[in-house]
């Protein structure tokens, strides 16, 4: 499974919840605390992020940065040759 994470610029976020609505994994929510501007900011609430970037694409203030873990490298299967 592809895994990712979201970094939120808490002082930029206005708590519009567009990212929360756009997240197909339901892993974003609003904080209980307020930032310096008085807004509840977005935060990662579950460890199910796939790094799809939907949240960052809909954020009007570009307050979200998404990081996706690289895909694991698969080693090619070795073939076994039969005896002749």
C-alpha atoms as a PDB file:
ATOM      1  CA  UNK A   1       0.000   0.000   0.000  1.00  0.00           C
ATOM      2  CA  UNK A   2       1.247   3.459  -0.850  1.00  0.00           C
ATOM      3  CA  UNK A   3       1.721   5.646   2.206  1.00  0.00           C
ATOM      4  CA  UNK A   4       1.997   9.377   2.604  1.00  0.00           C
ATOM      5  CA  UNK A   5       1.754  12.176   5.088  1.00  0.00           C
ATOM      6  CA  UNK A   6       0.571  15.776   5.149  1.00  0.00           C
ATOM      7  CA  UNK A   7       2.424  18.736   6.606  1.00  0.00           C
ATOM      8  CA  UNK A   8       0.157  21.675   7.485  1.00  0.00           C
ATOM      9  CA  UNK A   9       1.400  25.250   7.758  1.00  0.00           C
ATOM     10  CA  UNK A  10      -0.725  25.904  10.844  1.00  0.00           C
ATOM     11  CA  UNK A  11      -0.390  29.693  10.800  1.00  0.00           C
ATOM     12  CA  UNK A  12      -1.523  29.897   7.155  1.00  0.00           C
ATOM     13  CA  UNK A  13      -4.507  27.535   7.440  1.00  0.00           C
ATOM     14  CA  UNK A  14      -7.911  29.219   7.875  1.00  0.00           C
ATOM     15  CA  UNK A  15      -9.830  26.038   8.679  1.00  0.00           C
ATOM     16  CA  UNK A  16     -12.056  26.138   5.595  1.00  0.00           C
ATOM     17  CA  UNK A  17     -12.329  22.298   5.687  1.00  0.00           C
ATOM     18  CA  UNK A  18     -12.000  21.920   1.907  1.00  0.00           C
ATOM     19  CA  UNK A  19      -9.106  19.522   2.482  1.00  0.00           C
ATOM     20  CA  UNK A  20     -11.137  17.501   4.971  1.00  0.00           C
ATOM     21  CA  UNK A  21     -13.934  17.092   2.419  1.00  0.00           C
ATOM     22  CA  UNK A  22     -11.496  16.262  -0.415  1.00  0.00           C
ATOM     23  CA  UNK A  23      -9.633  13.524   1.479  1.00  0.00           C
ATOM     24  CA  UNK A  24     -10.751  10.089   0.213  1.00  0.00           C
ATOM     25  CA  UNK A  25      -9.055   8.386   3.176  1.00  0.00           C
ATOM     26  CA  UNK A  26     -10.802  10.532   5.825  1.00  0.00           C
ATOM     27  CA  UNK A  27      -7.494  11.195   7.543  1.00  0.00           C
ATOM     28  CA  UNK A  28      -7.784  14.985   7.956  1.00  0.00           C
ATOM     29  CA  UNK A  29      -9.717  16.991  10.501  1.00  0.00           C
ATOM     30  CA  UNK A  30      -9.617  20.316  12.313  1.00  0.00           C
ATOM     31  CA  UNK A  31      -7.606  20.873  15.459  1.00  0.00           C
ATOM     32  CA  UNK A  32      -9.164  21.671  18.802  1.00  0.00           C
ATOM     33  CA  UNK A  33      -6.709  24.543  19.287  1.00  0.00           C
ATOM     34  CA  UNK A  34      -6.548  27.851  17.427  1.00  0.00           C
ATOM     35  CA  UNK A  35      -3.689  29.358  15.486  1.00  0.00           C
ATOM     36  CA  UNK A  36      -2.516  32.959  15.998  1.00  0.00           C
ATOM     37  CA  UNK A  37      -5.234  34.234  13.651  1.00  0.00           C
ATOM     38  CA  UNK A  38      -7.960  32.481  15.649  1.00  0.00           C
ATOM     39  CA  UNK A  39      -8.691  29.643  13.222  1.00  0.00           C
ATOM     40  CA  UNK A  40      -8.866  25.922  13.888  1.00  0.00           C
ATOM     41  CA  UNK A  41      -6.286  24.529  11.483  1.00  0.00           C
ATOM     42  CA  UNK A  42      -6.280  21.276   9.524  1.00  0.00           C
ATOM     43  CA  UNK A  43      -4.329  18.347  10.867  1.00  0.00           C
ATOM     44  CA  UNK A  44      -3.667  14.708  10.110  1.00  0.00           C
ATOM     45  CA  UNK A  45      -6.007  12.692  12.345  1.00  0.00           C
ATOM     46  CA  UNK A  46      -5.416   9.144  11.063  1.00  0.00           C
ATOM     47  CA  UNK A  47      -2.488   7.159   9.721  1.00  0.00           C
ATOM     48  CA  UNK A  48      -4.232   6.197   6.482  1.00  0.00           C
ATOM     49  CA  UNK A  49      -2.840   8.891   4.147  1.00  0.00           C
ATOM     50  CA  UNK A  50      -1.861   7.594   0.712  1.00  0.00           C
ATOM     51  CA  UNK A  51      -0.313  10.848  -0.489  1.00  0.00           C
ATOM     52  CA  UNK A  52      -2.962  11.398  -3.171  1.00  0.00           C
ATOM     53  CA  UNK A  53      -2.530  15.204  -2.926  1.00  0.00           C
ATOM     54  CA  UNK A  54      -6.272  15.965  -3.175  1.00  0.00           C
ATOM     55  CA  UNK A  55      -6.059  18.075  -0.014  1.00  0.00           C
ATOM     56  CA  UNK A  56      -3.187  20.196  -1.305  1.00  0.00           C
ATOM     57  CA  UNK A  57      -4.889  20.716  -4.666  1.00  0.00           C
ATOM     58  CA  UNK A  58      -8.059  22.185  -3.143  1.00  0.00           C
ATOM     59  CA  UNK A  59      -6.368  24.328  -0.476  1.00  0.00           C
ATOM     60  CA  UNK A  60      -6.916  27.998  -1.429  1.00  0.00           C
ATOM     61  CA  UNK A  61      -3.996  29.141   0.739  1.00  0.00           C
ATOM     62  CA  UNK A  62      -1.458  26.436  -0.206  1.00  0.00           C
ATOM     63  CA  UNK A  63      -1.136  25.530   3.474  1.00  0.00           C
ATOM     64  CA  UNK A  64      -0.677  21.803   2.844  1.00  0.00           C
ATOM     65  CA  UNK A  65       2.354  19.910   1.613  1.00  0.00           C
ATOM     66  CA  UNK A  66       1.978  16.221   0.819  1.00  0.00           C
ATOM     67  CA  UNK A  67       4.815  13.733   1.015  1.00  0.00           C
ATOM     68  CA  UNK A  68       4.531  10.285  -0.506  1.00  0.00           C
ATOM     69  CA  UNK A  69       6.832   7.419   0.399  1.00  0.00           C
ATOM     70  CA  UNK A  70       8.578   5.940  -2.623  1.00  0.00           C
ATOM     71  CA  UNK A  71       7.286   2.660  -3.967  1.00  0.00           C
ATOM     72  CA  UNK A  72       9.284  -0.330  -2.783  1.00  0.00           C
ATOM     73  CA  UNK A  73      11.684  -1.640  -5.394  1.00  0.00           C
ATOM     74  CA  UNK A  74      10.728  -5.050  -6.631  1.00  0.00           C
ATOM     75  CA  UNK A  75      13.500  -7.412  -7.536  1.00  0.00           C
ATOM     76  CA  UNK A  76      13.032  -9.343 -10.720  1.00  0.00           C
ATOM     77  CA  UNK A  77      12.186 -12.982 -10.205  1.00  0.00           C
ATOM     78  CA  UNK A  78      15.054 -15.297 -10.958  1.00  0.00           C
ATOM     79  CA  UNK A  79      14.275 -17.968 -13.459  1.00  0.00           C
ATOM     80  CA  UNK A  80      15.109 -21.557 -12.757  1.00  0.00           C
ATOM     81  CA  UNK A  81      16.398 -23.456 -15.761  1.00  0.00           C
ATOM     82  CA  UNK A  82      15.596 -27.106 -16.047  1.00  0.00           C
ATOM     83  CA  UNK A  83      18.283 -29.737 -16.482  1.00  0.00           C
ATOM     84  CA  UNK A  84      18.784 -30.868 -20.053  1.00  0.00           C
END
